[in-house]
Amino acid sequence: MDGVLHTARLELILLGPERAREVASGRNLNGHPWADGYPLGSTLLRAELTSAAAAQRRPLGAFGTYQLIRRADGHVIGDVGFMGRPTTRVPSRSAARSPRTHAARATPPRRSRRCSAGCAASRA
């Protein structure tokens, strides 16, 4: 993958570490003008996280942030992305055998025949 995804109205361009440092410092050097209000605070945070991950030799690669470029006018209108690679954790065997399956959760809980206050109805 070359870091660019195309749709009918948008291009999603991967924000690499070098580009992320530029965005975090408020510079726009990629040739796409920023729409009013961009970058957002969350954009700056993700840009800092992207460059920090690369500095620690743990680049996010394709699981980073993508800038949304409106194809009609070439403006950066936002961003979307991930906060790193997905985990590959496998549930433990005890969790897999848990009685709280989907069907069990869908069944309403049974009402106790005894009321917690020890009322006369529970003794009948």
PDB file of N, CA and C in Angstrom:
ATOM      1  N   MET A   1       0.847  -1.180   0.000  1.00  0.00           N
ATOM      2  CA  MET A   1       0.000   0.000   0.000  1.00  0.00           C
ATOM      3  C   MET A   1       0.889   1.238   0.000  1.00  0.00           C
ATOM      4  N   ASP A   2       0.489   2.234  -0.773  1.00  0.00           N
ATOM      5  CA  ASP A   2       1.303   3.441  -0.887  1.00  0.00           C
ATOM      6  C   ASP A   2       0.901   4.530   0.092  1.00  0.00           C
ATOM      7  N   GLY A   3      -0.014   4.262   1.004  1.00  0.00           N
ATOM      8  CA  GLY A   3      -0.411   5.254   2.000  1.00  0.00           C
ATOM      9  C   GLY A   3      -1.495   6.190   1.524  1.00  0.00           C
ATOM     10  N   VAL A   4      -2.115   5.889   0.365  1.00  0.00           N
ATOM     11  CA  VAL A   4      -3.212   6.715  -0.149  1.00  0.00           C
ATOM     12  C   VAL A   4      -4.394   5.805  -0.477  1.00  0.00           C
ATOM     13  N   LEU A   5      -5.549   6.151   0.079  1.00  0.00           N
ATOM     14  CA  LEU A   5      -6.792   5.453  -0.233  1.00  0.00           C
ATOM     15  C   LEU A   5      -7.676   6.424  -1.003  1.00  0.00           C
ATOM     16  N   HIS A   6      -8.363   5.932  -2.022  1.00  0.00           N
ATOM     17  CA  HIS A   6      -9.183   6.795  -2.868  1.00  0.00           C
ATOM     18  C   HIS A   6     -10.658   6.419  -2.756  1.00  0.00           C
ATOM     19  N   THR A   7     -11.513   7.428  -2.657  1.00  0.00           N
ATOM     20  CA  THR A   7     -12.957   7.239  -2.763  1.00  0.00           C
ATOM     21  C   THR A   7     -13.443   8.215  -3.834  1.00  0.00           C
ATOM     22  N   ALA A   8     -14.730   8.198  -4.106  1.00  0.00           N
ATOM     23  CA  ALA A   8     -15.272   9.093  -5.122  1.00  0.00           C
ATOM     24  C   ALA A   8     -15.069  10.559  -4.754  1.00  0.00           C
ATOM     25  N   ARG A   9     -15.163  10.896  -3.454  1.00  0.00           N
ATOM     26  CA  ARG A   9     -15.065  12.302  -3.039  1.00  0.00           C
ATOM     27  C   ARG A   9     -13.820  12.642  -2.239  1.00  0.00           C
ATOM     28  N   LEU A  10     -13.119  11.626  -1.734  1.00  0.00           N
ATOM     29  CA  LEU A  10     -11.997  11.883  -0.833  1.00  0.00           C
ATOM     30  C   LEU A  10     -10.759  11.101  -1.224  1.00  0.00           C
ATOM     31  N   GLU A  11      -9.627  11.622  -0.777  1.00  0.00           N
ATOM     32  CA  GLU A  11      -8.387  10.863  -0.740  1.00  0.00           C
ATOM     33  C   GLU A  11      -7.968  10.831   0.715  1.00  0.00           C
ATOM     34  N   LEU A  12      -7.582   9.672   1.187  1.00  0.00           N
ATOM     35  CA  LEU A  12      -7.081   9.529   2.548  1.00  0.00           C
ATOM     36  C   LEU A  12      -5.582   9.298   2.435  1.00  0.00           C
ATOM     37  N   ILE A  13      -4.800  10.242   2.942  1.00  0.00           N
ATOM     38  CA  ILE A  13      -3.351  10.185   2.827  1.00  0.00           C
ATOM     39  C   ILE A  13      -2.756   9.905   4.202  1.00  0.00           C
ATOM     40  N   LEU A  14      -1.964   8.844   4.273  1.00  0.00           N
ATOM     41  CA  LEU A  14      -1.334   8.454   5.528  1.00  0.00           C
ATOM     42  C   LEU A  14      -0.397   9.554   6.007  1.00  0.00           C
ATOM     43  N   LEU A  15      -0.531   9.896   7.262  1.00  0.00           N
ATOM     44  CA  LEU A  15       0.313  10.907   7.891  1.00  0.00           C
ATOM     45  C   LEU A  15       1.545  10.196   8.460  1.00  0.00           C
ATOM     46  N   GLY A  16       2.634  10.233   7.694  1.00  0.00           N
ATOM     47  CA  GLY A  16       3.872   9.592   8.128  1.00  0.00           C
ATOM     48  C   GLY A  16       4.566  10.414   9.201  1.00  0.00           C
ATOM     49  N   PRO A  17       5.633   9.879   9.793  1.00  0.00           N
ATOM     50  CA  PRO A  17       6.316  10.562  10.896  1.00  0.00           C
ATOM     51  C   PRO A  17       6.820  11.965  10.549  1.00  0.00           C
ATOM     52  N   GLU A  18       7.449  12.129   9.393  1.00  0.00           N
ATOM     53  CA  GLU A  18       7.978  13.448   9.020  1.00  0.00           C
ATOM     54  C   GLU A  18       6.849  14.456   8.832  1.00  0.00           C
ATOM     55  N   ARG A  19       5.836  14.039   8.124  1.00  0.00           N
ATOM     56  CA  ARG A  19       4.665  14.892   7.891  1.00  0.00           C
ATOM     57  C   ARG A  19       3.960  15.188   9.213  1.00  0.00           C
ATOM     58  N   ALA A  20       3.906  14.206  10.112  1.00  0.00           N
ATOM     59  CA  ALA A  20       3.268  14.394  11.421  1.00  0.00           C
ATOM     60  C   ALA A  20       3.990  15.471  12.224  1.00  0.00           C
ATOM     61  N   ARG A  21       5.321  15.490  12.145  1.00  0.00           N
ATOM     62  CA  ARG A  21       6.085  16.532  12.850  1.00  0.00           C
ATOM     63  C   ARG A  21       5.742  17.909  12.303  1.00  0.00           C
ATOM     64  N   GLU A  22       5.561  18.011  10.987  1.00  0.00           N
ATOM     65  CA  GLU A  22       5.182  19.285  10.370  1.00  0.00           C
ATOM     66  C   GLU A  22       3.815  19.749  10.881  1.00  0.00           C
ATOM     67  N   VAL A  23       2.842  18.831  10.883  1.00  0.00           N
ATOM     68  CA  VAL A  23       1.485  19.174  11.336  1.00  0.00           C
ATOM     69  C   VAL A  23       1.509  19.579  12.810  1.00  0.00           C
ATOM     70  N   ALA A  24       2.236  18.819  13.635  1.00  0.00           N
ATOM     71  CA  ALA A  24       2.298  19.112  15.064  1.00  0.00           C
ATOM     72  C   ALA A  24       2.898  20.487  15.329  1.00  0.00           C
ATOM     73  N   SER A  25       3.790  20.937  14.449  1.00  0.00           N
ATOM     74  CA  SER A  25       4.402  22.259  14.619  1.00  0.00           C
ATOM     75  C   SER A  25       3.622  23.360  13.913  1.00  0.00           C
ATOM     76  N   GLY A  26       2.473  22.995  13.295  1.00  0.00           N
ATOM     77  CA  GLY A  26       1.620  23.998  12.647  1.00  0.00           C
ATOM     78  C   GLY A  26       2.019  24.342  11.230  1.00  0.00           C
ATOM     79  N   ARG A  27       2.919  23.561  10.642  1.00  0.00           N
ATOM     80  CA  ARG A  27       3.345  23.819   9.263  1.00  0.00           C
ATOM     81  C   ARG A  27       2.586  22.922   8.309  1.00  0.00           C
ATOM     82  N   ASN A  28       2.265  23.452   7.141  1.00  0.00           N
ATOM     83  CA  ASN A  28       1.551  22.713   6.109  1.00  0.00           C
ATOM     84  C   ASN A  28       2.384  22.753   4.836  1.00  0.00           C
ATOM     85  N   LEU A  29       3.132  21.695   4.604  1.00  0.00           N
ATOM     86  CA  LEU A  29       4.059  21.684   3.472  1.00  0.00           C
ATOM     87  C   LEU A  29       3.710  20.653   2.405  1.00  0.00           C
ATOM     88  N   ASN A  30       2.525  20.034   2.472  1.00  0.00           N
ATOM     89  CA  ASN A  30       2.219  18.986   1.503  1.00  0.00           C
ATOM     90  C   ASN A  30       1.466  19.473   0.273  1.00  0.00           C
ATOM     91  N   GLY A  31       1.199  20.778   0.185  1.00  0.00           N
ATOM     92  CA  GLY A  31       0.538  21.311  -0.996  1.00  0.00           C
ATOM     93  C   GLY A  31      -0.978  21.291  -0.955  1.00  0.00           C
ATOM     94  N   HIS A  32      -1.566  20.762   0.106  1.00  0.00           N
ATOM     95  CA  HIS A  32      -3.022  20.751   0.254  1.00  0.00           C
ATOM     96  C   HIS A  32      -3.398  21.784   1.308  1.00  0.00           C
ATOM     97  N   PRO A  33      -4.115  22.846   0.926  1.00  0.00           N
ATOM     98  CA  PRO A  33      -4.496  23.853   1.930  1.00  0.00           C
ATOM     99  C   PRO A  33      -5.429  23.261   2.977  1.00  0.00           C
ATOM    100  N   TRP A  34      -5.331  23.778   4.190  1.00  0.00           N
ATOM    101  CA  TRP A  34      -6.185  23.320   5.281  1.00  0.00           C
ATOM    102  C   TRP A  34      -7.509  24.068   5.253  1.00  0.00           C
ATOM    103  N   ALA A  35      -8.599  23.355   5.453  1.00  0.00           N
ATOM    104  CA  ALA A  35      -9.921  23.974   5.584  1.00  0.00           C
ATOM    105  C   ALA A  35      -9.957  24.768   6.885  1.00  0.00           C
ATOM    106  N   ASP A  36     -10.882  25.725   6.953  1.00  0.00           N
ATOM    107  CA  ASP A  36     -11.041  26.514   8.177  1.00  0.00           C
ATOM    108  C   ASP A  36     -11.266  25.595   9.371  1.00  0.00           C
ATOM    109  N   GLY A  37     -10.560  25.870  10.453  1.00  0.00           N
ATOM    110  CA  GLY A  37     -10.704  25.090  11.672  1.00  0.00           C
ATOM    111  C   GLY A  37      -9.795  23.878  11.760  1.00  0.00           C
ATOM    112  N   TYR A  38      -9.068  23.593  10.708  1.00  0.00           N
ATOM    113  CA  TYR A  38      -8.138  22.459  10.719  1.00  0.00           C
ATOM    114  C   TYR A  38      -6.724  22.998  10.888  1.00  0.00           C
ATOM    115  N   PRO A  39      -5.886  22.363  11.646  1.00  0.00           N
ATOM    116  CA  PRO A  39      -6.047  21.109  12.372  1.00  0.00           C
ATOM    117  C   PRO A  39      -6.738  21.302  13.720  1.00  0.00           C
ATOM    118  N   LEU A  40      -7.418  20.268  14.136  1.00  0.00           N
ATOM    119  CA  LEU A  40      -8.082  20.247  15.440  1.00  0.00           C
ATOM    120  C   LEU A  40      -7.070  19.879  16.523  1.00  0.00           C
ATOM    121  N   GLY A  41      -7.462  20.042  17.767  1.00  0.00           N
ATOM    122  CA  GLY A  41      -6.601  19.630  18.873  1.00  0.00           C
ATOM    123  C   GLY A  41      -6.300  18.146  18.817  1.00  0.00           C
ATOM    124  N   SER A  42      -7.295  17.343  18.448  1.00  0.00           N
ATOM    125  CA  SER A  42      -7.086  15.894  18.349  1.00  0.00           C
ATOM    126  C   SER A  42      -6.130  15.553  17.211  1.00  0.00           C
ATOM    127  N   THR A  43      -6.141  16.374  16.155  1.00  0.00           N
ATOM    128  CA  THR A  43      -5.209  16.181  15.040  1.00  0.00           C
ATOM    129  C   THR A  43      -3.779  16.366  15.528  1.00  0.00           C
ATOM    130  N   LEU A  44      -3.554  17.420  16.300  1.00  0.00           N
ATOM    131  CA  LEU A  44      -2.213  17.707  16.809  1.00  0.00           C
ATOM    132  C   LEU A  44      -1.741  16.599  17.739  1.00  0.00           C
ATOM    133  N   LEU A  45      -2.658  16.079  18.558  1.00  0.00           N
ATOM    134  CA  LEU A  45      -2.309  14.987  19.463  1.00  0.00           C
ATOM    135  C   LEU A  45      -1.907  13.747  18.679  1.00  0.00           C
ATOM    136  N   ARG A  46      -2.699  13.375  17.685  1.00  0.00           N
ATOM    137  CA  ARG A  46      -2.371  12.189  16.881  1.00  0.00           C
ATOM    138  C   ARG A  46      -1.073  12.382  16.116  1.00  0.00           C
ATOM    139  N   ALA A  47      -0.818  13.600  15.654  1.00  0.00           N
ATOM    140  CA  ALA A  47       0.446  13.880  14.957  1.00  0.00           C
ATOM    141  C   ALA A  47       1.622  13.687  15.908  1.00  0.00           C
ATOM    142  N   GLU A  48       1.483  14.156  17.139  1.00  0.00           N
ATOM    143  CA  GLU A  48       2.547  13.975  18.130  1.00  0.00           C
ATOM    144  C   GLU A  48       2.747  12.500  18.466  1.00  0.00           C
ATOM    145  N   LEU A  49       1.653  11.754  18.587  1.00  0.00           N
ATOM    146  CA  LEU A  49       1.754  10.321  18.866  1.00  0.00           C
ATOM    147  C   LEU A  49       2.438   9.583  17.719  1.00  0.00           C
ATOM    148  N   THR A  50       2.125   9.966  16.489  1.00  0.00           N
ATOM    149  CA  THR A  50       2.735   9.342  15.313  1.00  0.00           C
ATOM    150  C   THR A  50       4.235   9.571  15.285  1.00  0.00           C
ATOM    151  N   SER A  51       4.649  10.811  15.530  1.00  0.00           N
ATOM    152  CA  SER A  51       6.091  11.092  15.503  1.00  0.00           C
ATOM    153  C   SER A  51       6.800  10.470  16.709  1.00  0.00           C
ATOM    154  N   ALA A  52       6.150  10.416  17.862  1.00  0.00           N
ATOM    155  CA  ALA A  52       6.758   9.796  19.040  1.00  0.00           C
ATOM    156  C   ALA A  52       6.932   8.294  18.837  1.00  0.00           C
ATOM    157  N   ALA A  53       5.948   7.644  18.234  1.00  0.00           N
ATOM    158  CA  ALA A  53       6.051   6.201  17.975  1.00  0.00           C
ATOM    159  C   ALA A  53       7.224   5.910  17.038  1.00  0.00           C
ATOM    160  N   ALA A  54       7.395   6.746  16.020  1.00  0.00           N
ATOM    161  CA  ALA A  54       8.515   6.552  15.089  1.00  0.00           C
ATOM    162  C   ALA A  54       9.845   6.805  15.784  1.00  0.00           C
ATOM    163  N   ALA A  55       9.901   7.798  16.661  1.00  0.00           N
ATOM    164  CA  ALA A  55      11.134   8.106  17.388  1.00  0.00           C
ATOM    165  C   ALA A  55      11.545   6.947  18.301  1.00  0.00           C
ATOM    166  N   GLN A  56      10.581   6.194  18.779  1.00  0.00           N
ATOM    167  CA  GLN A  56      10.865   5.036  19.637  1.00  0.00           C
ATOM    168  C   GLN A  56      11.039   3.754  18.824  1.00  0.00           C
ATOM    169  N   ARG A  57      11.181   3.913  17.524  1.00  0.00           N
ATOM    170  CA  ARG A  57      11.355   2.795  16.579  1.00  0.00           C
ATOM    171  C   ARG A  57      10.176   1.833  16.613  1.00  0.00           C
ATOM    172  N   ARG A  58       8.980   2.396  16.788  1.00  0.00           N
ATOM    173  CA  ARG A  58       7.737   1.618  16.759  1.00  0.00           C
ATOM    174  C   ARG A  58       6.730   2.339  15.864  1.00  0.00           C
ATOM    175  N   PRO A  59       7.079   2.554  14.584  1.00  0.00           N
ATOM    176  CA  PRO A  59       6.186   3.328  13.716  1.00  0.00           C
ATOM    177  C   PRO A  59       4.812   2.657  13.579  1.00  0.00           C
ATOM    178  N   LEU A  60       3.795   3.490  13.451  1.00  0.00           N
ATOM    179  CA  LEU A  60       2.427   2.985  13.351  1.00  0.00           C
ATOM    180  C   LEU A  60       2.125   2.415  11.973  1.00  0.00           C
ATOM    181  N   GLY A  61       2.866   2.850  10.972  1.00  0.00           N
ATOM    182  CA  GLY A  61       2.641   2.354   9.613  1.00  0.00           C
ATOM    183  C   GLY A  61       1.214   2.622   9.169  1.00  0.00           C
ATOM    184  N   ALA A  62       0.602   1.646   8.534  1.00  0.00           N
ATOM    185  CA  ALA A  62      -0.756   1.798   8.009  1.00  0.00           C
ATOM    186  C   ALA A  62      -1.802   1.960   9.100  1.00  0.00           C
ATOM    187  N   PHE A  63      -1.425   1.731  10.367  1.00  0.00           N
ATOM    188  CA  PHE A  63      -2.363   1.854  11.477  1.00  0.00           C
ATOM    189  C   PHE A  63      -2.236   3.204  12.166  1.00  0.00           C
ATOM    190  N   GLY A  64      -1.858   4.214  11.417  1.00  0.00           N
ATOM    191  CA  GLY A  64      -1.724   5.569  11.938  1.00  0.00           C
ATOM    192  C   GLY A  64      -2.898   6.442  11.548  1.00  0.00           C
ATOM    193  N   THR A  65      -2.626   7.715  11.338  1.00  0.00           N
ATOM    194  CA  THR A  65      -3.654   8.698  11.021  1.00  0.00           C
ATOM    195  C   THR A  65      -3.625   9.026   9.530  1.00  0.00           C
ATOM    196  N   TYR A  66      -4.801   9.221   8.959  1.00  0.00           N
ATOM    197  CA  TYR A  66      -4.942   9.598   7.554  1.00  0.00           C
ATOM    198  C   TYR A  66      -5.594  10.971   7.483  1.00  0.00           C
ATOM    199  N   GLN A  67      -5.035  11.845   6.667  1.00  0.00           N
ATOM    200  CA  GLN A  67      -5.675  13.135   6.420  1.00  0.00           C
ATOM    201  C   GLN A  67      -6.719  12.948   5.333  1.00  0.00           C
ATOM    202  N   LEU A  68      -7.883  13.585   5.523  1.00  0.00           N
ATOM    203  CA  LEU A  68      -8.966  13.516   4.550  1.00  0.00           C
ATOM    204  C   LEU A  68      -8.855  14.705   3.607  1.00  0.00           C
ATOM    205  N   ILE A  69      -8.607  14.426   2.338  1.00  0.00           N
ATOM    206  CA  ILE A  69      -8.469  15.461   1.324  1.00  0.00           C
ATOM    207  C   ILE A  69      -9.723  15.443   0.470  1.00  0.00           C
ATOM    208  N   ARG A  70     -10.427  16.563   0.415  1.00  0.00           N
ATOM    209  CA  ARG A  70     -11.612  16.680  -0.442  1.00  0.00           C
ATOM    210  C   ARG A  70     -11.122  16.816  -1.871  1.00  0.00           C
ATOM    211  N   ARG A  71     -11.496  15.885  -2.730  1.00  0.00           N
ATOM    212  CA  ARG A  71     -10.992  15.857  -4.105  1.00  0.00           C
ATOM    213  C   ARG A  71     -11.481  17.050  -4.920  1.00  0.00           C
ATOM    214  N   ALA A  72     -12.647  17.589  -4.597  1.00  0.00           N
ATOM    215  CA  ALA A  72     -13.197  18.698  -5.384  1.00  0.00           C
ATOM    216  C   ALA A  72     -12.299  19.929  -5.362  1.00  0.00           C
ATOM    217  N   ASP A  73     -11.683  20.218  -4.206  1.00  0.00           N
ATOM    218  CA  ASP A  73     -10.852  21.422  -4.132  1.00  0.00           C
ATOM    219  C   ASP A  73      -9.456  21.179  -3.548  1.00  0.00           C
ATOM    220  N   GLY A  74      -9.157  19.934  -3.151  1.00  0.00           N
ATOM    221  CA  GLY A  74      -7.835  19.613  -2.643  1.00  0.00           C
ATOM    222  C   GLY A  74      -7.562  20.037  -1.218  1.00  0.00           C
ATOM    223  N   HIS A  75      -8.592  20.486  -0.483  1.00  0.00           N
ATOM    224  CA  HIS A  75      -8.405  20.933   0.898  1.00  0.00           C
ATOM    225  C   HIS A  75      -8.394  19.754   1.875  1.00  0.00           C
ATOM    226  N   VAL A  76      -7.549  19.874   2.901  1.00  0.00           N
ATOM    227  CA  VAL A  76      -7.574  18.921   4.009  1.00  0.00           C
ATOM    228  C   VAL A  76      -8.753  19.323   4.888  1.00  0.00           C
ATOM    229  N   ILE A  77      -9.726  18.430   5.026  1.00  0.00           N
ATOM    230  CA  ILE A  77     -10.942  18.762   5.777  1.00  0.00           C
ATOM    231  C   ILE A  77     -11.039  18.026   7.105  1.00  0.00           C
ATOM    232  N   GLY A  78     -10.106  17.123   7.378  1.00  0.00           N
ATOM    233  CA  GLY A  78     -10.141  16.390   8.635  1.00  0.00           C
ATOM    234  C   GLY A  78      -9.154  15.255   8.615  1.00  0.00           C
ATOM    235  N   ASP A  79      -9.293  14.374   9.572  1.00  0.00           N
ATOM    236  CA  ASP A  79      -8.433  13.197   9.639  1.00  0.00           C
ATOM    237  C   ASP A  79      -9.167  12.083  10.358  1.00  0.00           C
ATOM    238  N   VAL A  80      -8.674  10.898  10.149  1.00  0.00           N
ATOM    239  CA  VAL A  80      -9.258   9.702  10.743  1.00  0.00           C
ATOM    240  C   VAL A  80      -8.137   8.681  10.873  1.00  0.00           C
ATOM    241  N   GLY A  81      -8.273   7.770  11.802  1.00  0.00           N
ATOM    242  CA  GLY A  81      -7.225   6.773  11.892  1.00  0.00           C
ATOM    243  C   GLY A  81      -7.320   5.886  13.095  1.00  0.00           C
ATOM    244  N   PHE A  82      -6.208   5.274  13.389  1.00  0.00           N
ATOM    245  CA  PHE A  82      -6.084   4.286  14.439  1.00  0.00           C
ATOM    246  C   PHE A  82      -5.129   4.799  15.497  1.00  0.00           C
ATOM    247  N   MET A  83      -5.110   4.151  16.624  1.00  0.00           N
ATOM    248  CA  MET A  83      -4.154   4.480  17.683  1.00  0.00           C
ATOM    249  C   MET A  83      -3.156   3.339  17.820  1.00  0.00           C
ATOM    250  N   GLY A  84      -2.783   2.753  16.719  1.00  0.00           N
ATOM    251  CA  GLY A  84      -1.815   1.659  16.708  1.00  0.00           C
ATOM    252  C   GLY A  84      -2.415   0.387  16.147  1.00  0.00           C
ATOM    253  N   ARG A  85      -1.575  -0.626  16.081  1.00  0.00           N
ATOM    254  CA  ARG A  85      -1.997  -1.917  15.539  1.00  0.00           C
ATOM    255  C   ARG A  85      -3.059  -2.564  16.428  1.00  0.00           C
ATOM    256  N   PRO A  86      -3.945  -3.363  15.825  1.00  0.00           N
ATOM    257  CA  PRO A  86      -4.907  -4.090  16.656  1.00  0.00           C
ATOM    258  C   PRO A  86      -4.186  -5.149  17.476  1.00  0.00           C
ATOM    259  N   THR A  87      -4.751  -5.487  18.603  1.00  0.00           N
ATOM    260  CA  THR A  87      -4.146  -6.517  19.436  1.00  0.00           C
ATOM    261  C   THR A  87      -4.565  -7.884  18.920  1.00  0.00           C
ATOM    262  N   THR A  88      -3.786  -8.872  19.231  1.00  0.00           N
ATOM    263  CA  THR A  88      -4.100 -10.238  18.811  1.00  0.00           C
ATOM    264  C   THR A  88      -4.363 -11.126  20.018  1.00  0.00           C
ATOM    265  N   ARG A  89      -4.834 -10.509  21.098  1.00  0.00           N
ATOM    266  CA  ARG A  89      -5.113 -11.278  22.307  1.00  0.00           C
ATOM    267  C   ARG A  89      -6.201 -12.299  22.043  1.00  0.00           C
ATOM    268  N   VAL A  90      -5.975 -13.494  22.532  1.00  0.00           N
ATOM    269  CA  VAL A  90      -6.952 -14.567  22.425  1.00  0.00           C
ATOM    270  C   VAL A  90      -7.585 -14.723  23.793  1.00  0.00           C
ATOM    271  N   PRO A  91      -8.926 -14.819  23.857  1.00  0.00           N
ATOM    272  CA  PRO A  91      -9.555 -14.976  25.166  1.00  0.00           C
ATOM    273  C   PRO A  91      -9.078 -16.250  25.849  1.00  0.00           C
ATOM    274  N   SER A  92      -9.007 -16.186  27.163  1.00  0.00           N
ATOM    275  CA  SER A  92      -8.578 -17.368  27.913  1.00  0.00           C
ATOM    276  C   SER A  92      -9.629 -18.461  27.799  1.00  0.00           C
ATOM    277  N   ARG A  93      -9.225 -19.682  28.076  1.00  0.00           N
ATOM    278  CA  ARG A  93     -10.155 -20.802  27.976  1.00  0.00           C
ATOM    279  C   ARG A  93     -11.298 -20.652  28.962  1.00  0.00           C
ATOM    280  N   SER A  94     -11.021 -20.128  30.145  1.00  0.00           N
ATOM    281  CA  SER A  94     -12.087 -19.976  31.132  1.00  0.00           C
ATOM    282  C   SER A  94     -13.112 -18.948  30.660  1.00  0.00           C
ATOM    283  N   ALA A  95     -12.667 -17.920  29.972  1.00  0.00           N
ATOM    284  CA  ALA A  95     -13.607 -16.927  29.450  1.00  0.00           C
ATOM    285  C   ALA A  95     -14.443 -17.529  28.335  1.00  0.00           C
ATOM    286  N   ALA A  96     -13.842 -18.416  27.535  1.00  0.00           N
ATOM    287  CA  ALA A  96     -14.576 -19.047  26.439  1.00  0.00           C
ATOM    288  C   ALA A  96     -15.643 -19.996  26.966  1.00  0.00           C
ATOM    289  N   ARG A  97     -15.416 -20.593  28.148  1.00  0.00           N
ATOM    290  CA  ARG A  97     -16.392 -21.531  28.728  1.00  0.00           C
ATOM    291  C   ARG A  97     -17.341 -20.861  29.703  1.00  0.00           C
ATOM    292  N   SER A  98     -17.277 -19.564  29.791  1.00  0.00           N
ATOM    293  CA  SER A  98     -18.108 -18.841  30.741  1.00  0.00           C
ATOM    294  C   SER A  98     -19.586 -19.060  30.432  1.00  0.00           C
ATOM    295  N   PRO A  99     -20.423 -19.235  31.459  1.00  0.00           N
ATOM    296  CA  PRO A  99     -21.851 -19.425  31.221  1.00  0.00           C
ATOM    297  C   PRO A  99     -22.548 -18.168  30.721  1.00  0.00           C
ATOM    298  N   ARG A 100     -21.856 -17.038  30.741  1.00  0.00           N
ATOM    299  CA  ARG A 100     -22.479 -15.786  30.301  1.00  0.00           C
ATOM    300  C   ARG A 100     -22.365 -15.647  28.789  1.00  0.00           C
ATOM    301  N   THR A 101     -22.962 -16.573  28.081  1.00  0.00           N
ATOM    302  CA  THR A 101     -22.970 -16.515  26.621  1.00  0.00           C
ATOM    303  C   THR A 101     -24.020 -15.519  26.171  1.00  0.00           C
ATOM    304  N   HIS A 102     -24.077 -15.299  24.889  1.00  0.00           N
ATOM    305  CA  HIS A 102     -25.069 -14.365  24.348  1.00  0.00           C
ATOM    306  C   HIS A 102     -26.486 -14.787  24.738  1.00  0.00           C
ATOM    307  N   ALA A 103     -26.776 -16.068  24.621  1.00  0.00           N
ATOM    308  CA  ALA A 103     -28.124 -16.544  24.961  1.00  0.00           C
ATOM    309  C   ALA A 103     -28.417 -16.336  26.435  1.00  0.00           C
ATOM    310  N   ALA A 104     -27.429 -16.561  27.281  1.00  0.00           N
ATOM    311  CA  ALA A 104     -27.649 -16.378  28.717  1.00  0.00           C
ATOM    312  C   ALA A 104     -27.906 -14.917  29.046  1.00  0.00           C
ATOM    313  N   ARG A 105     -27.203 -14.021  28.370  1.00  0.00           N
ATOM    314  CA  ARG A 105     -27.415 -12.594  28.627  1.00  0.00           C
ATOM    315  C   ARG A 105     -28.766 -12.129  28.101  1.00  0.00           C
ATOM    316  N   ALA A 106     -29.263 -12.783  27.053  1.00  0.00           N
ATOM    317  CA  ALA A 106     -30.538 -12.383  26.473  1.00  0.00           C
ATOM    318  C   ALA A 106     -31.717 -12.854  27.309  1.00  0.00           C
ATOM    319  N   THR A 107     -31.511 -13.855  28.164  1.00  0.00           N
ATOM    320  CA  THR A 107     -32.576 -14.374  29.018  1.00  0.00           C
ATOM    321  C   THR A 107     -32.694 -13.495  30.256  1.00  0.00           C
ATOM    322  N   PRO A 108     -33.906 -13.029  30.572  1.00  0.00           N
ATOM    323  CA  PRO A 108     -34.049 -12.184  31.765  1.00  0.00           C
ATOM    324  C   PRO A 108     -33.738 -12.981  33.025  1.00  0.00           C
ATOM    325  N   PRO A 109     -33.209 -12.329  34.046  1.00  0.00           N
ATOM    326  CA  PRO A 109     -32.874 -13.044  35.286  1.00  0.00           C
ATOM    327  C   PRO A 109     -34.143 -13.550  35.966  1.00  0.00           C
ATOM    328  N   ARG A 110     -34.020 -14.690  36.645  1.00  0.00           N
ATOM    329  CA  ARG A 110     -35.149 -15.237  37.383  1.00  0.00           C
ATOM    330  C   ARG A 110     -35.337 -14.449  38.662  1.00  0.00           C
ATOM    331  N   ARG A 111     -36.586 -14.309  39.046  1.00  0.00           N
ATOM    332  CA  ARG A 111     -36.880 -13.621  40.296  1.00  0.00           C
ATOM    333  C   ARG A 111     -36.827 -14.624  41.434  1.00  0.00           C
ATOM    334  N   SER A 112     -36.254 -14.201  42.497  1.00  0.00           N
ATOM    335  CA  SER A 112     -36.160 -15.055  43.668  1.00  0.00           C
ATOM    336  C   SER A 112     -37.544 -15.224  44.290  1.00  0.00           C
ATOM    337  N   ARG A 113     -37.796 -16.403  44.862  1.00  0.00           N
ATOM    338  CA  ARG A 113     -39.071 -16.627  45.536  1.00  0.00           C
ATOM    339  C   ARG A 113     -39.077 -15.967  46.904  1.00  0.00           C
ATOM    340  N   ARG A 114     -37.934 -15.600  47.398  1.00  0.00           N
ATOM    341  CA  ARG A 114     -37.852 -14.925  48.686  1.00  0.00           C
ATOM    342  C   ARG A 114     -37.557 -13.464  48.441  1.00  0.00           C
ATOM    343  N   CYS A 115     -38.283 -12.626  49.094  1.00  0.00           N
ATOM    344  CA  CYS A 115     -37.940 -11.213  48.983  1.00  0.00           C
ATOM    345  C   CYS A 115     -36.821 -10.915  49.990  1.00  0.00           C
ATOM    346  N   SER A 116     -36.033  -9.953  49.713  1.00  0.00           N
ATOM    347  CA  SER A 116     -34.863  -9.690  50.539  1.00  0.00           C
ATOM    348  C   SER A 116     -35.235  -9.247  51.941  1.00  0.00           C
ATOM    349  N   ALA A 117     -36.457  -8.733  52.128  1.00  0.00           N
ATOM    350  CA  ALA A 117     -36.847  -8.263  53.469  1.00  0.00           C
ATOM    351  C   ALA A 117     -37.494  -9.377  54.291  1.00  0.00           C
ATOM    352  N   GLY A 118     -37.633 -10.573  53.710  1.00  0.00           N
ATOM    353  CA  GLY A 118     -38.256 -11.676  54.442  1.00  0.00           C
ATOM    354  C   GLY A 118     -39.741 -11.461  54.626  1.00  0.00           C
ATOM    355  N   CYS A 119     -40.395 -10.937  53.625  1.00  0.00           N
ATOM    356  CA  CYS A 119     -41.829 -10.630  53.728  1.00  0.00           C
ATOM    357  C   CYS A 119     -42.673 -11.894  53.774  1.00  0.00           C
ATOM    358  N   ALA A 120     -43.919 -11.759  54.125  1.00  0.00           N
ATOM    359  CA  ALA A 120     -44.821 -12.893  54.279  1.00  0.00           C
ATOM    360  C   ALA A 120     -45.020 -13.618  52.964  1.00  0.00           C
ATOM    361  N   ALA A 121     -44.976 -12.936  51.843  1.00  0.00           N
ATOM    362  CA  ALA A 121     -45.180 -13.576  50.539  1.00  0.00           C
ATOM    363  C   ALA A 121     -44.094 -14.595  50.258  1.00  0.00           C
ATOM    364  N   SER A 122     -42.898 -14.389  50.784  1.00  0.00           N
ATOM    365  CA  SER A 122     -41.809 -15.320  50.505  1.00  0.00           C
ATOM    366  C   SER A 122     -41.934 -16.588  51.324  1.00  0.00           C
ATOM    367  N   ARG A 123     -42.723 -16.581  52.374  1.00  0.00           N
ATOM    368  CA  ARG A 123     -42.875 -17.767  53.234  1.00  0.00           C
ATOM    369  C   ARG A 123     -43.987 -18.670  52.749  1.00  0.00           C
ATOM    370  N   ALA A 124     -44.795 -18.232  51.824  1.00  0.00           N
ATOM    371  CA  ALA A 124     -45.949 -19.011  51.382  1.00  0.00           C
ATOM    372  C   ALA A 124     -45.574 -20.150  50.477  1.00  0.00           C
TER     373      ALA A 124
END
